[in-house]
Amino acid sequence: MPRTAEIGATRDSYVYRLRLPAQLKEQWDEHCAKQDKSSSVVMRALMRYIIQDDMPPEVRRWIAEETDRVTDTGPKERLRVSFTPSEHAALLKLAEAEACSPQRWVVNCVRASLTNKPQFTMETAKALWESSAQLRAIGRNLNQITKRLHETGELSVRVERIEQLSAIIDGHREKVADLLNASLTRWVIADEKD
C-alpha cells in the first residue's frame, strides 16, 4: 500500500544526508528510542514544525544562534596542560557532577572564558527545554482563560487558580535563572583560601 506524503516517503520523496558528531547521534538515537519513534519520523515532524513558523521566540532565537555560527572546520590543536594533584582531583569531581568528560569540562571552561557566554551541559539544556515546554503549556492555559473571558464576559476561573499558575511561572523563571547563573559561575575557579 503506497504511503501518503504526510506520513513518509513517496515516489517523489527525497533523501537528506546529514553528518552528525558521534555524541549527537547517540543522544538523538536515545531520544527517539525513549519516544518509541524512528529517527526519520521525528525528523520529518521537526521539519514540519519549523516550516509552520509557529515556534516560541526562545526556540527561534536558539535555532538562529545555532545555524548562524560559523563552524571551525580546521583540525583541532592539541594543548598539553598539567594540573596539580588537587586541581586534577577537583576537575574530575566537577566533570563527573556535570556528567561530562574532563576534556569537555575544560573545553567548556575555556569557551565560557573566551566568549563570556554560558556553556550548557546536556543535563542543563534538557532542564531548560523542559521548563520552556511547561511555560508554553501554562501560556496555552492562560490563553484559553482569556478567550473564555472575552467570549462570555464572565470569569469562571477562581483567583486561586490564577495565583497557582503565577506561582508555577515564577518557580520556572527562578529555575531557569539559577541554571543560567550556575552555568556562568561553574567555570570559575574557587579561591584557594576557601
Protein backbone atom coordinates (compact mmCIF):
# COMPACT_ATOMS: atom_id res chain seq x y z
CA MET A 1 0.00 0.00 0.00
CA PRO A 2 1.58 3.36 -1.02
CA ARG A 3 2.18 5.86 1.72
CA THR A 4 0.97 9.42 1.58
CA ALA A 5 3.40 12.35 1.67
CA GLU A 6 2.06 13.35 5.09
CA ILE A 7 3.22 10.08 6.63
CA GLY A 8 6.57 9.50 5.00
CA ALA A 9 8.27 8.64 1.74
CA THR A 10 6.58 8.55 -1.67
CA ARG A 11 7.94 8.17 -5.18
CA ASP A 12 8.70 11.88 -5.36
CA SER A 13 10.40 11.97 -1.96
CA TYR A 14 14.00 12.99 -1.27
CA VAL A 15 16.73 11.60 0.91
CA TYR A 16 18.71 14.07 3.01
CA ARG A 17 22.19 13.11 4.09
CA LEU A 18 23.36 14.61 7.32
CA ARG A 19 26.71 14.30 9.05
CA LEU A 20 26.47 14.27 12.86
CA PRO A 21 29.06 14.17 15.61
CA ALA A 22 29.07 10.74 17.25
CA GLN A 23 27.84 12.13 20.61
CA LEU A 24 24.90 13.95 18.98
CA LYS A 25 23.94 10.80 17.06
CA GLU A 26 23.93 8.79 20.29
CA GLN A 27 21.79 11.42 22.00
CA TRP A 28 19.42 11.56 19.02
CA ASP A 29 19.04 7.78 18.89
CA GLU A 30 18.45 7.68 22.65
CA HIS A 31 15.81 10.42 22.40
CA CYS A 32 13.97 8.67 19.55
CA ALA A 33 14.10 5.33 21.41
CA LYS A 34 12.57 6.95 24.52
CA GLN A 35 9.78 8.34 22.34
CA ASP A 36 9.39 4.92 20.66
CA LYS A 37 9.66 6.64 17.27
CA SER A 38 12.02 6.18 14.36
CA SER A 39 14.53 8.96 13.78
CA SER A 40 13.09 9.67 10.32
CA VAL A 41 9.57 10.16 11.72
CA VAL A 42 10.84 12.58 14.37
CA MET A 43 13.00 14.43 11.82
CA ARG A 44 10.02 14.90 9.47
CA ALA A 45 7.93 16.17 12.40
CA LEU A 46 10.68 18.66 13.32
CA MET A 47 10.88 19.85 9.72
CA ARG A 48 7.12 20.41 9.61
CA TYR A 49 7.24 22.24 12.93
CA ILE A 50 9.96 24.59 11.71
CA ILE A 51 8.25 25.20 8.35
CA GLN A 52 4.99 26.18 10.10
CA ASP A 53 6.99 29.01 11.72
CA ASP A 54 4.81 28.82 14.83
CA MET A 55 7.51 28.29 17.41
CA PRO A 56 8.15 30.21 20.62
CA PRO A 57 10.58 33.14 20.31
CA GLU A 58 13.21 31.47 22.51
CA VAL A 59 13.26 28.41 20.21
CA ARG A 60 13.51 30.65 17.14
CA ARG A 61 16.44 32.54 18.74
CA TRP A 62 18.17 29.29 19.68
CA ILE A 63 17.84 27.91 16.15
CA ALA A 64 19.12 31.18 14.70
CA GLU A 65 22.14 31.14 17.01
CA GLU A 66 22.88 27.50 16.19
CA THR A 67 22.60 27.99 12.42
CA ASP A 68 24.39 31.37 12.29
CA ARG A 69 27.51 30.01 13.92
CA VAL A 70 30.46 29.51 11.63
CA THR A 71 31.89 26.08 12.27
CA ASP A 72 35.60 25.97 12.87
CA THR A 73 36.39 23.21 10.40
CA GLY A 74 40.16 23.21 10.79
CA PRO A 75 41.97 20.44 12.59
CA LYS A 76 41.90 20.66 16.35
CA GLU A 77 45.02 21.92 18.02
CA ARG A 78 46.34 19.87 20.91
CA LEU A 79 47.44 21.67 24.05
CA ARG A 80 49.10 19.84 26.87
CA VAL A 81 48.12 21.15 30.28
CA SER A 82 49.39 19.88 33.60
CA PHE A 83 47.44 20.11 36.85
CA THR A 84 48.44 19.66 40.44
CA PRO A 85 47.02 16.54 42.08
CA SER A 86 44.39 18.57 43.94
CA GLU A 87 43.42 20.52 40.79
CA HIS A 88 43.14 17.27 38.83
CA ALA A 89 41.01 15.64 41.54
CA ALA A 90 38.74 18.69 41.69
CA LEU A 91 38.46 18.76 37.89
CA LEU A 92 37.47 15.08 37.76
CA LYS A 93 34.89 15.61 40.51
CA LEU A 94 33.33 18.62 38.76
CA ALA A 95 33.31 16.89 35.37
CA GLU A 96 31.54 13.90 36.91
CA ALA A 97 28.99 16.18 38.59
CA GLU A 98 28.34 17.82 35.20
CA ALA A 99 28.01 14.39 33.53
CA CYS A 100 30.72 15.16 31.01
CA SER A 101 34.28 14.11 30.33
CA PRO A 102 37.16 16.01 31.94
CA GLN A 103 38.21 17.17 28.46
CA ARG A 104 34.71 18.51 27.72
CA TRP A 105 34.67 20.26 31.10
CA VAL A 106 37.99 22.00 30.37
CA VAL A 107 36.85 22.99 26.86
CA ASN A 108 33.60 24.41 28.30
CA CYS A 109 35.60 26.34 30.87
CA VAL A 110 37.83 27.84 28.19
CA ARG A 111 34.88 28.66 25.90
CA ALA A 112 32.98 30.31 28.75
CA SER A 113 36.03 32.44 29.48
CA LEU A 114 36.63 33.32 25.81
CA THR A 115 33.01 34.09 24.92
CA ASN A 116 31.66 35.20 28.31
CA LYS A 117 28.58 33.12 27.49
CA PRO A 118 27.12 30.16 29.37
CA GLN A 119 28.21 26.70 28.30
CA PHE A 120 25.46 24.19 28.93
CA THR A 121 25.85 20.51 29.61
CA MET A 122 23.19 18.21 28.16
CA GLU A 123 21.50 17.93 31.56
CA THR A 124 21.20 21.70 31.84
CA ALA A 125 19.94 22.05 28.28
CA LYS A 126 17.30 19.35 28.89
CA ALA A 127 16.15 21.14 32.05
CA LEU A 128 15.84 24.43 30.15
CA TRP A 129 13.86 22.79 27.33
CA GLU A 130 11.55 21.09 29.84
CA SER A 131 10.99 24.36 31.67
CA SER A 132 10.26 26.12 28.41
CA ALA A 133 7.76 23.40 27.41
CA GLN A 134 5.96 23.72 30.74
CA LEU A 135 5.80 27.50 30.40
CA ARG A 136 4.30 27.11 26.91
CA ALA A 137 1.63 24.79 28.34
CA ILE A 138 0.82 27.33 31.05
CA GLY A 139 0.67 30.05 28.40
CA ARG A 140 -1.87 27.99 26.43
CA ASN A 141 -3.99 27.63 29.58
CA LEU A 142 -3.88 31.37 30.18
CA ASN A 143 -4.84 32.00 26.54
CA GLN A 144 -7.84 29.68 26.94
CA ILE A 145 -8.90 31.56 30.07
CA THR A 146 -8.59 34.88 28.26
CA LYS A 147 -10.55 33.58 25.27
CA ARG A 148 -13.28 32.28 27.54
CA LEU A 149 -13.44 35.61 29.35
CA HIS A 150 -13.80 37.50 26.08
CA GLU A 151 -16.48 35.11 24.81
CA THR A 152 -18.65 35.04 27.92
CA GLY A 153 -17.72 38.18 29.76
CA GLU A 154 -17.62 36.06 32.91
CA LEU A 155 -14.62 34.76 34.73
CA SER A 156 -15.31 31.15 35.67
CA VAL A 157 -11.76 30.62 36.90
CA ARG A 158 -11.09 31.15 40.57
CA VAL A 159 -8.48 33.65 41.66
CA GLU A 160 -6.66 30.83 43.47
CA ARG A 161 -6.12 29.01 40.18
CA ILE A 162 -4.59 32.08 38.54
CA GLU A 163 -2.36 32.56 41.58
CA GLN A 164 -1.26 28.92 41.28
CA LEU A 165 -0.33 29.43 37.62
CA SER A 166 1.54 32.59 38.54
CA ALA A 167 3.48 30.74 41.24
CA ILE A 168 4.40 27.97 38.78
CA ILE A 169 5.64 30.54 36.26
CA ASP A 170 7.69 32.30 38.94
CA GLY A 171 9.15 28.96 40.02
CA HIS A 172 10.20 28.13 36.48
CA ARG A 173 11.68 31.59 35.95
CA GLU A 174 13.77 31.13 39.09
CA LYS A 175 14.81 27.65 37.96
CA VAL A 176 15.97 28.95 34.57
CA ALA A 177 17.76 31.90 36.18
CA ASP A 178 19.53 29.54 38.59
CA LEU A 179 20.62 27.30 35.70
CA LEU A 180 21.93 30.25 33.72
CA ASN A 181 23.78 31.65 36.73
CA ALA A 182 25.17 28.22 37.57
CA SER A 183 26.37 27.78 34.00
CA LEU A 184 28.16 31.12 34.08
CA THR A 185 29.71 30.63 37.51
CA ARG A 186 30.53 26.90 37.38
CA TRP A 187 33.61 27.59 35.29
CA VAL A 188 35.13 29.98 37.84
CA ILE A 189 37.96 28.51 39.86
CA ALA A 190 37.37 28.75 43.58
CA ASP A 191 39.79 30.88 45.57
CA GLU A 192 42.42 28.63 47.15
CA LYS A 193 41.75 30.31 50.51
CA ASP A 194 38.25 28.76 50.60
